[in-house]
Amino acid sequence: MKNTLRIIALMTIMYANSAFAASGAEGSGFGLAGWMFIGFLALIVTLQFVPALIMMGSMMAGIFGKARNH
């Protein structure tokens, strides 16, 4: 019986949290924290993109460049 009451109480709290989160969905945008998160993701993508371009450039130079005699 105690376990059943605990489960019901836990489910009630979880559903109430979902309702509070859904009620704010009609807000006016992301807010500062949302824009900071998106900016952080953009920073990560940019920092990964620069070395990828350098590696691609050296790979193309190796493929299409002049062959060296060893």
PDB file of N, CA and C in Angstrom:
ATOM      1  N   MET A   1       0.824  -1.193   0.000  1.00  0.00           N
ATOM      2  CA  MET A   1       0.000   0.000   0.000  1.00  0.00           C
ATOM      3  C   MET A   1       0.869   1.259   0.000  1.00  0.00           C
ATOM      4  N   LYS A   2       1.992   1.213   0.784  1.00  0.00           N
ATOM      5  CA  LYS A   2       2.872   2.368   0.843  1.00  0.00           C
ATOM      6  C   LYS A   2       3.494   2.643  -0.531  1.00  0.00           C
ATOM      7  N   ASN A   3       3.892   1.575  -1.208  1.00  0.00           N
ATOM      8  CA  ASN A   3       4.502   1.759  -2.535  1.00  0.00           C
ATOM      9  C   ASN A   3       3.511   2.357  -3.516  1.00  0.00           C
ATOM     10  N   THR A   4       2.271   1.946  -3.440  1.00  0.00           N
ATOM     11  CA  THR A   4       1.248   2.483  -4.338  1.00  0.00           C
ATOM     12  C   THR A   4       1.047   3.970  -4.093  1.00  0.00           C
ATOM     13  N   LEU A   5       0.996   4.370  -2.838  1.00  0.00           N
ATOM     14  CA  LEU A   5       0.838   5.788  -2.509  1.00  0.00           C
ATOM     15  C   LEU A   5       2.055   6.601  -2.955  1.00  0.00           C
ATOM     16  N   ARG A   6       3.244   6.033  -2.798  1.00  0.00           N
ATOM     17  CA  ARG A   6       4.448   6.720  -3.255  1.00  0.00           C
ATOM     18  C   ARG A   6       4.436   6.912  -4.764  1.00  0.00           C
ATOM     19  N   ILE A   7       4.042   5.897  -5.483  1.00  0.00           N
ATOM     20  CA  ILE A   7       3.989   5.985  -6.950  1.00  0.00           C
ATOM     21  C   ILE A   7       2.957   7.010  -7.387  1.00  0.00           C
ATOM     22  N   ILE A   8       1.807   7.013  -6.735  1.00  0.00           N
ATOM     23  CA  ILE A   8       0.756   7.982  -7.094  1.00  0.00           C
ATOM     24  C   ILE A   8       1.228   9.401  -6.789  1.00  0.00           C
ATOM     25  N   ALA A   9       1.884   9.599  -5.646  1.00  0.00           N
ATOM     26  CA  ALA A   9       2.392  10.932  -5.305  1.00  0.00           C
ATOM     27  C   ALA A   9       3.457  11.380  -6.302  1.00  0.00           C
ATOM     28  N   LEU A  10       4.353  10.488  -6.674  1.00  0.00           N
ATOM     29  CA  LEU A  10       5.398  10.808  -7.640  1.00  0.00           C
ATOM     30  C   LEU A  10       4.814  11.155  -9.005  1.00  0.00           C
ATOM     31  N   MET A  11       3.832  10.389  -9.443  1.00  0.00           N
ATOM     32  CA  MET A  11       3.201  10.669 -10.740  1.00  0.00           C
ATOM     33  C   MET A  11       2.474  12.008 -10.715  1.00  0.00           C
ATOM     34  N   THR A  12       1.827  12.323  -9.596  1.00  0.00           N
ATOM     35  CA  THR A  12       1.117  13.601  -9.482  1.00  0.00           C
ATOM     36  C   THR A  12       2.091  14.767  -9.576  1.00  0.00           C
ATOM     37  N   ILE A  13       3.223  14.656  -8.891  1.00  0.00           N
ATOM     38  CA  ILE A  13       4.226  15.725  -8.939  1.00  0.00           C
ATOM     39  C   ILE A  13       4.790  15.860 -10.345  1.00  0.00           C
ATOM     40  N   MET A  14       5.057  14.742 -11.007  1.00  0.00           N
ATOM     41  CA  MET A  14       5.631  14.795 -12.353  1.00  0.00           C
ATOM     42  C   MET A  14       4.643  15.396 -13.352  1.00  0.00           C
ATOM     43  N   TYR A  15       3.384  15.038 -13.247  1.00  0.00           N
ATOM     44  CA  TYR A  15       2.384  15.604 -14.153  1.00  0.00           C
ATOM     45  C   TYR A  15       2.181  17.089 -13.886  1.00  0.00           C
ATOM     46  N   ALA A  16       2.279  17.507 -12.639  1.00  0.00           N
ATOM     47  CA  ALA A  16       2.140  18.930 -12.321  1.00  0.00           C
ATOM     48  C   ALA A  16       3.309  19.714 -12.920  1.00  0.00           C
ATOM     49  N   ASN A  17       4.513  19.164 -12.871  1.00  0.00           N
ATOM     50  CA  ASN A  17       5.665  19.832 -13.472  1.00  0.00           C
ATOM     51  C   ASN A  17       5.497  19.961 -14.976  1.00  0.00           C
ATOM     52  N   SER A  18       4.951  18.948 -15.611  1.00  0.00           N
ATOM     53  CA  SER A  18       4.716  19.014 -17.055  1.00  0.00           C
ATOM     54  C   SER A  18       3.708  20.099 -17.385  1.00  0.00           C
ATOM     55  N   ALA A  19       2.686  20.233 -16.556  1.00  0.00           N
ATOM     56  CA  ALA A  19       1.668  21.250 -16.801  1.00  0.00           C
ATOM     57  C   ALA A  19       2.253  22.652 -16.646  1.00  0.00           C
ATOM     58  N   PHE A  20       3.109  22.851 -15.661  1.00  0.00           N
ATOM     59  CA  PHE A  20       3.729  24.156 -15.486  1.00  0.00           C
ATOM     60  C   PHE A  20       4.658  24.468 -16.652  1.00  0.00           C
ATOM     61  N   ALA A  21       5.363  23.476 -17.152  1.00  0.00           N
ATOM     62  CA  ALA A  21       6.269  23.702 -18.272  1.00  0.00           C
ATOM     63  C   ALA A  21       5.485  24.018 -19.539  1.00  0.00           C
ATOM     64  N   ALA A  22       4.361  23.364 -19.741  1.00  0.00           N
ATOM     65  CA  ALA A  22       3.565  23.594 -20.944  1.00  0.00           C
ATOM     66  C   ALA A  22       2.869  24.949 -20.898  1.00  0.00           C
ATOM     67  N   SER A  23       2.577  25.441 -19.717  1.00  0.00           N
ATOM     68  CA  SER A  23       1.865  26.713 -19.638  1.00  0.00           C
ATOM     69  C   SER A  23       2.755  27.880 -20.074  1.00  0.00           C
ATOM     70  N   GLY A  24       4.082  27.732 -19.992  1.00  0.00           N
ATOM     71  CA  GLY A  24       4.982  28.793 -20.415  1.00  0.00           C
ATOM     72  C   GLY A  24       5.321  28.735 -21.886  1.00  0.00           C
ATOM     73  N   ALA A  25       4.751  27.801 -22.633  1.00  0.00           N
ATOM     74  CA  ALA A  25       5.080  27.635 -24.043  1.00  0.00           C
ATOM     75  C   ALA A  25       4.562  28.781 -24.897  1.00  0.00           C
ATOM     76  N   GLU A  26       3.645  29.569 -24.374  1.00  0.00           N
ATOM     77  CA  GLU A  26       3.087  30.671 -25.143  1.00  0.00           C
ATOM     78  C   GLU A  26       3.857  31.964 -24.922  1.00  0.00           C
ATOM     79  N   GLY A  27       5.073  31.862 -24.386  1.00  0.00           N
ATOM     80  CA  GLY A  27       5.880  33.035 -24.060  1.00  0.00           C
ATOM     81  C   GLY A  27       6.349  33.765 -25.305  1.00  0.00           C
ATOM     82  N   SER A  28       7.204  34.753 -25.074  1.00  0.00           N
ATOM     83  CA  SER A  28       7.613  35.623 -26.164  1.00  0.00           C
ATOM     84  C   SER A  28       8.984  35.260 -26.727  1.00  0.00           C
ATOM     85  N   GLY A  29       9.353  34.031 -26.714  1.00  0.00           N
ATOM     86  CA  GLY A  29      10.616  33.634 -27.324  1.00  0.00           C
ATOM     87  C   GLY A  29      11.487  32.820 -26.387  1.00  0.00           C
ATOM     88  N   PHE A  30      12.760  32.758 -26.741  1.00  0.00           N
ATOM     89  CA  PHE A  30      13.703  31.921 -26.012  1.00  0.00           C
ATOM     90  C   PHE A  30      14.136  32.523 -24.684  1.00  0.00           C
ATOM     91  N   GLY A  31      14.341  33.802 -24.643  1.00  0.00           N
ATOM     92  CA  GLY A  31      14.905  34.437 -23.459  1.00  0.00           C
ATOM     93  C   GLY A  31      16.421  34.398 -23.542  1.00  0.00           C
ATOM     94  N   LEU A  32      17.056  34.963 -22.542  1.00  0.00           N
ATOM     95  CA  LEU A  32      18.512  35.073 -22.547  1.00  0.00           C
ATOM     96  C   LEU A  32      19.185  33.716 -22.473  1.00  0.00           C
ATOM     97  N   ALA A  33      18.697  32.829 -21.625  1.00  0.00           N
ATOM     98  CA  ALA A  33      19.319  31.511 -21.474  1.00  0.00           C
ATOM     99  C   ALA A  33      19.221  30.704 -22.767  1.00  0.00           C
ATOM    100  N   GLY A  34      18.100  30.799 -23.453  1.00  0.00           N
ATOM    101  CA  GLY A  34      17.944  30.080 -24.721  1.00  0.00           C
ATOM    102  C   GLY A  34      18.897  30.586 -25.786  1.00  0.00           C
ATOM    103  N   TRP A  35      19.054  31.904 -25.875  1.00  0.00           N
ATOM    104  CA  TRP A  35      19.973  32.466 -26.871  1.00  0.00           C
ATOM    105  C   TRP A  35      21.420  32.155 -26.523  1.00  0.00           C
ATOM    106  N   MET A  36      21.737  32.113 -25.231  1.00  0.00           N
ATOM    107  CA  MET A  36      23.094  31.739 -24.831  1.00  0.00           C
ATOM    108  C   MET A  36      23.378  30.290 -25.189  1.00  0.00           C
ATOM    109  N   PHE A  37      22.391  29.423 -25.020  1.00  0.00           N
ATOM    110  CA  PHE A  37      22.561  28.016 -25.380  1.00  0.00           C
ATOM    111  C   PHE A  37      22.755  27.860 -26.884  1.00  0.00           C
ATOM    112  N   ILE A  38      21.956  28.549 -27.673  1.00  0.00           N
ATOM    113  CA  ILE A  38      22.090  28.478 -29.129  1.00  0.00           C
ATOM    114  C   ILE A  38      23.447  29.045 -29.564  1.00  0.00           C
ATOM    115  N   GLY A  39      23.883  30.140 -28.922  1.00  0.00           N
ATOM    116  CA  GLY A  39      25.198  30.700 -29.227  1.00  0.00           C
ATOM    117  C   GLY A  39      26.324  29.751 -28.877  1.00  0.00           C
ATOM    118  N   PHE A  40      26.194  29.035 -27.762  1.00  0.00           N
ATOM    119  CA  PHE A  40      27.200  28.057 -27.370  1.00  0.00           C
ATOM    120  C   PHE A  40      27.272  26.921 -28.377  1.00  0.00           C
ATOM    121  N   LEU A  41      26.123  26.450 -28.846  1.00  0.00           N
ATOM    122  CA  LEU A  41      26.110  25.403 -29.870  1.00  0.00           C
ATOM    123  C   LEU A  41      26.732  25.900 -31.168  1.00  0.00           C
ATOM    124  N   ALA A  42      26.450  27.145 -31.543  1.00  0.00           N
ATOM    125  CA  ALA A  42      27.044  27.715 -32.751  1.00  0.00           C
ATOM    126  C   ALA A  42      28.556  27.831 -32.608  1.00  0.00           C
ATOM    127  N   LEU A  43      29.029  28.171 -31.419  1.00  0.00           N
ATOM    128  CA  LEU A  43      30.465  28.253 -31.168  1.00  0.00           C
ATOM    129  C   LEU A  43      31.126  26.889 -31.323  1.00  0.00           C
ATOM    130  N   ILE A  44      30.494  25.858 -30.794  1.00  0.00           N
ATOM    131  CA  ILE A  44      31.036  24.502 -30.917  1.00  0.00           C
ATOM    132  C   ILE A  44      31.099  24.087 -32.382  1.00  0.00           C
ATOM    133  N   VAL A  45      30.032  24.336 -33.136  1.00  0.00           N
ATOM    134  CA  VAL A  45      30.013  23.969 -34.555  1.00  0.00           C
ATOM    135  C   VAL A  45      31.101  24.725 -35.315  1.00  0.00           C
ATOM    136  N   THR A  46      31.274  26.006 -35.025  1.00  0.00           N
ATOM    137  CA  THR A  46      32.288  26.815 -35.697  1.00  0.00           C
ATOM    138  C   THR A  46      33.691  26.315 -35.374  1.00  0.00           C
ATOM    139  N   LEU A  47      33.934  26.018 -34.112  1.00  0.00           N
ATOM    140  CA  LEU A  47      35.261  25.547 -33.724  1.00  0.00           C
ATOM    141  C   LEU A  47      35.577  24.173 -34.298  1.00  0.00           C
ATOM    142  N   GLN A  48      34.583  23.388 -34.608  1.00  0.00           N
ATOM    143  CA  GLN A  48      34.809  22.097 -35.245  1.00  0.00           C
ATOM    144  C   GLN A  48      34.926  22.238 -36.762  1.00  0.00           C
ATOM    145  N   PHE A  49      34.344  23.290 -37.308  1.00  0.00           N
ATOM    146  CA  PHE A  49      34.315  23.488 -38.755  1.00  0.00           C
ATOM    147  C   PHE A  49      35.657  23.982 -39.283  1.00  0.00           C
ATOM    148  N   VAL A  50      36.343  24.838 -38.523  1.00  0.00           N
ATOM    149  CA  VAL A  50      37.625  25.400 -38.971  1.00  0.00           C
ATOM    150  C   VAL A  50      38.676  24.309 -39.162  1.00  0.00           C
ATOM    151  N   PRO A  51      38.929  23.414 -38.203  1.00  0.00           N
ATOM    152  CA  PRO A  51      39.915  22.350 -38.451  1.00  0.00           C
ATOM    153  C   PRO A  51      39.485  21.400 -39.577  1.00  0.00           C
ATOM    154  N   ALA A  52      38.190  21.206 -39.722  1.00  0.00           N
ATOM    155  CA  ALA A  52      37.721  20.342 -40.804  1.00  0.00           C
ATOM    156  C   ALA A  52      38.051  20.957 -42.158  1.00  0.00           C
ATOM    157  N   LEU A  53      37.904  22.269 -42.290  1.00  0.00           N
ATOM    158  CA  LEU A  53      38.263  22.936 -43.548  1.00  0.00           C
ATOM    159  C   LEU A  53      39.761  22.853 -43.812  1.00  0.00           C
ATOM    160  N   ILE A  54      40.561  23.027 -42.782  1.00  0.00           N
ATOM    161  CA  ILE A  54      42.015  22.924 -42.949  1.00  0.00           C
ATOM    162  C   ILE A  54      42.403  21.515 -43.387  1.00  0.00           C
ATOM    163  N   MET A  55      41.803  20.506 -42.750  1.00  0.00           N
ATOM    164  CA  MET A  55      42.107  19.125 -43.112  1.00  0.00           C
ATOM    165  C   MET A  55      41.651  18.818 -44.537  1.00  0.00           C
ATOM    166  N   MET A  56      40.490  19.322 -44.922  1.00  0.00           N
ATOM    167  CA  MET A  56      39.996  19.085 -46.278  1.00  0.00           C
ATOM    168  C   MET A  56      40.911  19.762 -47.301  1.00  0.00           C
ATOM    169  N   GLY A  57      41.384  20.979 -46.983  1.00  0.00           N
ATOM    170  CA  GLY A  57      42.299  21.669 -47.894  1.00  0.00           C
ATOM    171  C   GLY A  57      43.591  20.912 -48.071  1.00  0.00           C
ATOM    172  N   SER A  58      44.187  20.394 -46.986  1.00  0.00           N
ATOM    173  CA  SER A  58      45.421  19.638 -47.134  1.00  0.00           C
ATOM    174  C   SER A  58      45.202  18.306 -47.831  1.00  0.00           C
ATOM    175  N   MET A  59      44.018  17.724 -47.643  1.00  0.00           N
ATOM    176  CA  MET A  59      43.721  16.471 -48.335  1.00  0.00           C
ATOM    177  C   MET A  59      43.585  16.710 -49.832  1.00  0.00           C
ATOM    178  N   MET A  60      42.924  17.793 -50.214  1.00  0.00           N
ATOM    179  CA  MET A  60      42.800  18.116 -51.645  1.00  0.00           C
ATOM    180  C   MET A  60      44.160  18.464 -52.257  1.00  0.00           C
ATOM    181  N   ALA A  61      44.998  19.151 -51.481  1.00  0.00           N
ATOM    182  CA  ALA A  61      46.339  19.459 -51.980  1.00  0.00           C
ATOM    183  C   ALA A  61      47.143  18.182 -52.169  1.00  0.00           C
ATOM    184  N   GLY A  62      46.967  17.218 -51.281  1.00  0.00           N
ATOM    185  CA  GLY A  62      47.663  15.946 -51.418  1.00  0.00           C
ATOM    186  C   GLY A  62      47.166  15.121 -52.593  1.00  0.00           C
ATOM    187  N   ILE A  63      45.883  15.199 -52.862  1.00  0.00           N
ATOM    188  CA  ILE A  63      45.306  14.411 -53.967  1.00  0.00           C
ATOM    189  C   ILE A  63      45.622  15.060 -55.315  1.00  0.00           C
ATOM    190  N   PHE A  64      45.396  16.360 -55.429  1.00  0.00           N
ATOM    191  CA  PHE A  64      45.524  17.032 -56.720  1.00  0.00           C
ATOM    192  C   PHE A  64      46.855  17.765 -56.899  1.00  0.00           C
ATOM    193  N   GLY A  65      47.710  17.753 -55.894  1.00  0.00           N
ATOM    194  CA  GLY A  65      48.997  18.460 -55.989  1.00  0.00           C
ATOM    195  C   GLY A  65      50.006  17.662 -56.788  1.00  0.00           C
ATOM    196  N   LYS A  66      51.194  18.238 -56.929  1.00  0.00           N
ATOM    197  CA  LYS A  66      52.256  17.581 -57.662  1.00  0.00           C
ATOM    198  C   LYS A  66      52.788  16.410 -56.841  1.00  0.00           C
ATOM    199  N   ALA A  67      53.141  15.345 -57.543  1.00  0.00           N
ATOM    200  CA  ALA A  67      53.709  14.171 -56.878  1.00  0.00           C
ATOM    201  C   ALA A  67      55.170  14.424 -56.598  1.00  0.00           C
ATOM    202  N   ARG A  68      55.616  14.053 -55.409  1.00  0.00           N
ATOM    203  CA  ARG A  68      57.017  14.218 -55.021  1.00  0.00           C
ATOM    204  C   ARG A  68      57.769  12.934 -55.301  1.00  0.00           C
ATOM    205  N   ASN A  69      58.985  13.061 -55.718  1.00  0.00           N
ATOM    206  CA  ASN A  69      59.847  11.892 -55.904  1.00  0.00           C
ATOM    207  C   ASN A  69      60.618  11.642 -54.620  1.00  0.00           C
ATOM    208  N   HIS A  70      60.483  10.451 -54.097  1.00  0.00           N
ATOM    209  CA  HIS A  70      61.184  10.120 -52.841  1.00  0.00           C
ATOM    210  C   HIS A  70      62.445   9.375 -53.157  1.00  0.00           C
TER     211      HIS A  70
END
